[in-house]
């Protein structure tokens, strides 16, 4: 069995907890140098998919939920971020 954990945005600080939970892959938005080495040492794959890319779907879903729940109008404006 393979286990995947993810946390959007700048969540590289949770990587050690994910390793302790026995995951095989961890996905987050950002990465730092120590995470690279921890991934190599632990054998757990780390995917840094980009802060913007990992957060935009959650905030869009939140807007849709609030619109349905409270009868609001909302518009999600996606401004691309190349980082």
N, C-alpha and C. Protein backbone atom coordinates (compact mmCIF):
# COMPACT_ATOMS: atom_id res chain seq x y z
N UNK A 1 0.84 -1.17 0.00
CA UNK A 1 0.00 0.00 0.00
C UNK A 1 0.89 1.24 0.00
N UNK A 2 0.48 2.23 -0.79
CA UNK A 2 1.21 3.49 -0.81
C UNK A 2 0.33 4.58 -0.20
N UNK A 3 0.95 5.43 0.59
CA UNK A 3 0.23 6.50 1.28
C UNK A 3 0.78 7.85 0.84
N UNK A 4 -0.15 8.74 0.51
CA UNK A 4 0.20 10.08 0.08
C UNK A 4 -0.39 11.08 1.08
N UNK A 5 0.40 12.07 1.46
CA UNK A 5 -0.08 13.15 2.32
C UNK A 5 0.18 14.46 1.58
N UNK A 6 -0.70 15.45 1.81
CA UNK A 6 -0.47 16.74 1.21
C UNK A 6 -0.99 17.84 2.11
N UNK A 7 -0.37 18.98 1.96
CA UNK A 7 -0.81 20.19 2.65
C UNK A 7 -0.43 21.35 1.74
N UNK A 8 -1.40 22.16 1.38
CA UNK A 8 -1.16 23.21 0.40
C UNK A 8 -0.32 24.34 0.97
N UNK A 9 0.23 25.13 0.06
CA UNK A 9 1.01 26.30 0.44
C UNK A 9 2.38 25.96 0.98
N UNK A 10 2.84 26.78 1.92
CA UNK A 10 4.17 26.62 2.49
C UNK A 10 4.17 25.66 3.65
N UNK A 11 3.97 24.40 3.38
CA UNK A 11 3.80 23.41 4.44
C UNK A 11 4.96 22.43 4.55
N UNK A 12 6.13 22.84 4.13
CA UNK A 12 7.28 21.94 4.25
C UNK A 12 7.59 21.63 5.70
N UNK A 13 7.14 22.46 6.63
CA UNK A 13 7.38 22.24 8.05
C UNK A 13 6.65 21.02 8.61
N UNK A 14 5.70 20.49 7.86
CA UNK A 14 4.96 19.30 8.30
C UNK A 14 5.54 18.00 7.72
N UNK A 15 6.61 18.11 6.98
CA UNK A 15 7.17 16.93 6.32
C UNK A 15 7.61 15.86 7.32
N UNK A 16 8.26 16.25 8.40
CA UNK A 16 8.71 15.27 9.39
C UNK A 16 7.52 14.54 10.02
N UNK A 17 6.43 15.24 10.26
CA UNK A 17 5.24 14.59 10.81
C UNK A 17 4.67 13.60 9.81
N UNK A 18 4.68 13.96 8.54
CA UNK A 18 4.19 13.05 7.51
C UNK A 18 5.05 11.79 7.45
N UNK A 19 6.35 11.96 7.56
CA UNK A 19 7.26 10.80 7.57
C UNK A 19 6.92 9.90 8.75
N UNK A 20 6.72 10.51 9.92
CA UNK A 20 6.40 9.74 11.12
C UNK A 20 5.09 8.97 10.98
N UNK A 21 4.18 9.47 10.16
CA UNK A 21 2.91 8.78 9.91
C UNK A 21 3.04 7.65 8.90
N UNK A 22 4.21 7.53 8.29
CA UNK A 22 4.46 6.41 7.39
C UNK A 22 4.06 6.65 5.94
N UNK A 23 4.06 7.90 5.51
CA UNK A 23 3.69 8.16 4.12
C UNK A 23 4.83 7.81 3.18
N UNK A 24 4.47 7.60 1.92
CA UNK A 24 5.46 7.33 0.88
C UNK A 24 5.77 8.57 0.06
N UNK A 25 4.79 9.47 -0.01
CA UNK A 25 4.91 10.70 -0.80
C UNK A 25 4.27 11.84 -0.02
N UNK A 26 4.92 13.00 -0.04
CA UNK A 26 4.35 14.20 0.59
C UNK A 26 4.35 15.31 -0.45
N UNK A 27 3.21 15.97 -0.59
CA UNK A 27 3.05 17.05 -1.57
C UNK A 27 2.77 18.35 -0.83
N UNK A 28 3.49 19.39 -1.20
CA UNK A 28 3.29 20.70 -0.60
C UNK A 28 3.58 21.75 -1.65
N UNK A 29 3.45 22.99 -1.25
CA UNK A 29 3.66 24.07 -2.20
C UNK A 29 5.09 24.57 -2.26
N UNK A 30 5.82 24.44 -1.18
CA UNK A 30 7.17 24.98 -1.13
C UNK A 30 8.15 23.94 -0.60
N UNK A 31 9.40 24.21 -0.83
CA UNK A 31 10.46 23.31 -0.36
C UNK A 31 11.63 24.15 0.13
N UNK A 32 12.37 23.62 1.06
CA UNK A 32 13.58 24.27 1.54
C UNK A 32 14.72 23.25 1.50
N UNK A 33 15.92 23.74 1.65
CA UNK A 33 17.09 22.88 1.50
C UNK A 33 17.08 21.70 2.47
N UNK A 34 16.70 21.93 3.72
CA UNK A 34 16.71 20.81 4.67
C UNK A 34 15.68 19.74 4.30
N UNK A 35 14.58 20.14 3.66
CA UNK A 35 13.57 19.16 3.23
C UNK A 35 14.15 18.24 2.16
N UNK A 36 14.94 18.80 1.26
CA UNK A 36 15.59 17.99 0.23
C UNK A 36 16.42 16.87 0.86
N UNK A 37 17.20 17.22 1.85
CA UNK A 37 18.06 16.23 2.50
C UNK A 37 17.25 15.24 3.33
N UNK A 38 16.22 15.71 4.00
CA UNK A 38 15.36 14.83 4.77
C UNK A 38 14.65 13.82 3.86
N UNK A 39 14.24 14.25 2.70
CA UNK A 39 13.61 13.34 1.74
C UNK A 39 14.59 12.26 1.30
N UNK A 40 15.80 12.65 1.01
CA UNK A 40 16.83 11.66 0.60
C UNK A 40 17.12 10.67 1.71
N UNK A 41 17.26 11.19 2.92
CA UNK A 41 17.61 10.32 4.06
C UNK A 41 16.47 9.39 4.45
N UNK A 42 15.24 9.87 4.33
CA UNK A 42 14.09 9.07 4.77
C UNK A 42 13.55 8.15 3.68
N UNK A 43 13.85 8.45 2.43
CA UNK A 43 13.31 7.67 1.33
C UNK A 43 11.87 8.04 0.98
N UNK A 44 11.35 9.10 1.58
CA UNK A 44 10.00 9.57 1.29
C UNK A 44 10.08 10.62 0.19
N UNK A 45 9.30 10.44 -0.86
CA UNK A 45 9.30 11.40 -1.97
C UNK A 45 8.64 12.69 -1.53
N UNK A 46 9.22 13.81 -1.92
CA UNK A 46 8.68 15.13 -1.61
C UNK A 46 8.42 15.84 -2.92
N UNK A 47 7.20 16.30 -3.12
CA UNK A 47 6.84 17.03 -4.33
C UNK A 47 6.48 18.46 -3.94
N UNK A 48 7.24 19.41 -4.45
CA UNK A 48 6.95 20.83 -4.24
C UNK A 48 6.24 21.33 -5.49
N UNK A 49 4.92 21.41 -5.43
CA UNK A 49 4.11 21.72 -6.60
C UNK A 49 3.85 23.21 -6.79
N UNK A 50 4.38 24.03 -5.92
CA UNK A 50 4.19 25.48 -6.04
C UNK A 50 3.12 25.99 -5.08
N UNK A 51 3.44 27.05 -4.38
CA UNK A 51 2.54 27.62 -3.38
C UNK A 51 1.21 28.01 -4.01
N UNK A 52 1.25 28.76 -5.08
CA UNK A 52 0.03 29.21 -5.76
C UNK A 52 -0.76 28.03 -6.31
N UNK A 53 -0.08 27.12 -6.96
CA UNK A 53 -0.76 25.99 -7.59
C UNK A 53 -1.47 25.09 -6.58
N UNK A 54 -0.92 24.96 -5.38
CA UNK A 54 -1.55 24.07 -4.40
C UNK A 54 -2.63 24.74 -3.60
N UNK A 55 -2.74 26.06 -3.67
CA UNK A 55 -3.74 26.76 -2.87
C UNK A 55 -4.95 27.22 -3.66
N UNK A 56 -4.84 27.41 -4.95
CA UNK A 56 -5.93 28.07 -5.68
C UNK A 56 -7.22 27.26 -5.70
N UNK A 57 -7.16 25.95 -5.75
CA UNK A 57 -8.38 25.15 -5.81
C UNK A 57 -9.15 25.18 -4.48
N UNK A 58 -8.43 25.21 -3.39
CA UNK A 58 -9.08 25.26 -2.08
C UNK A 58 -9.81 26.57 -1.86
N UNK A 59 -9.20 27.67 -2.23
CA UNK A 59 -9.84 28.97 -2.01
C UNK A 59 -11.02 29.15 -2.96
N UNK A 60 -10.93 28.60 -4.16
CA UNK A 60 -12.06 28.66 -5.09
C UNK A 60 -13.23 27.83 -4.54
N UNK A 61 -12.93 26.65 -4.01
CA UNK A 61 -13.98 25.81 -3.42
C UNK A 61 -14.61 26.48 -2.21
N UNK A 62 -13.81 27.17 -1.41
CA UNK A 62 -14.35 27.89 -0.26
C UNK A 62 -15.33 28.98 -0.72
N UNK A 63 -14.96 29.72 -1.74
CA UNK A 63 -15.84 30.75 -2.28
C UNK A 63 -17.15 30.18 -2.77
N UNK A 64 -17.10 29.04 -3.46
CA UNK A 64 -18.31 28.39 -3.94
C UNK A 64 -19.18 27.92 -2.78
N UNK A 65 -18.57 27.38 -1.77
CA UNK A 65 -19.31 26.92 -0.59
C UNK A 65 -20.02 28.08 0.10
N UNK A 66 -19.29 29.17 0.33
CA UNK A 66 -19.88 30.33 0.99
C UNK A 66 -21.01 30.93 0.16
N UNK A 67 -20.85 30.93 -1.16
CA UNK A 67 -21.90 31.45 -2.02
C UNK A 67 -23.17 30.62 -1.91
N UNK A 68 -23.02 29.31 -1.89
CA UNK A 68 -24.19 28.42 -1.76
C UNK A 68 -24.81 28.52 -0.37
N UNK A 69 -23.98 28.55 0.63
CA UNK A 69 -24.45 28.55 2.02
C UNK A 69 -25.18 29.84 2.39
N UNK A 70 -24.68 30.97 1.89
CA UNK A 70 -25.22 32.26 2.32
C UNK A 70 -25.86 33.06 1.19
N UNK A 71 -26.04 32.45 0.02
CA UNK A 71 -26.68 33.15 -1.09
C UNK A 71 -25.87 34.32 -1.62
N UNK A 72 -24.56 34.19 -1.60
CA UNK A 72 -23.67 35.25 -2.06
C UNK A 72 -23.26 35.02 -3.50
N UNK A 73 -22.79 36.06 -4.13
CA UNK A 73 -22.15 35.92 -5.42
C UNK A 73 -20.64 35.98 -5.18
N UNK A 74 -19.93 35.19 -5.93
CA UNK A 74 -18.48 35.26 -5.80
C UNK A 74 -17.85 35.04 -7.16
N UNK A 75 -16.68 35.57 -7.32
CA UNK A 75 -15.92 35.37 -8.54
C UNK A 75 -14.48 35.09 -8.14
N UNK A 76 -13.97 33.98 -8.58
CA UNK A 76 -12.58 33.64 -8.33
C UNK A 76 -11.75 34.18 -9.48
N UNK A 77 -10.76 34.99 -9.18
CA UNK A 77 -9.87 35.54 -10.20
C UNK A 77 -8.51 34.91 -10.00
N UNK A 78 -8.13 34.09 -10.95
CA UNK A 78 -6.85 33.39 -10.87
C UNK A 78 -5.78 34.24 -11.55
N UNK A 79 -4.87 34.75 -10.76
CA UNK A 79 -3.75 35.51 -11.29
C UNK A 79 -2.53 34.59 -11.24
N UNK A 80 -2.07 34.19 -12.38
CA UNK A 80 -0.95 33.24 -12.45
C UNK A 80 0.28 33.78 -11.75
N UNK A 81 0.99 32.89 -11.12
CA UNK A 81 2.23 33.20 -10.42
C UNK A 81 3.28 32.23 -10.92
N UNK A 82 4.30 32.71 -11.60
CA UNK A 82 5.29 31.81 -12.20
C UNK A 82 6.22 31.13 -11.20
N UNK A 83 6.12 31.46 -9.94
CA UNK A 83 7.03 30.90 -8.94
C UNK A 83 6.47 29.62 -8.39
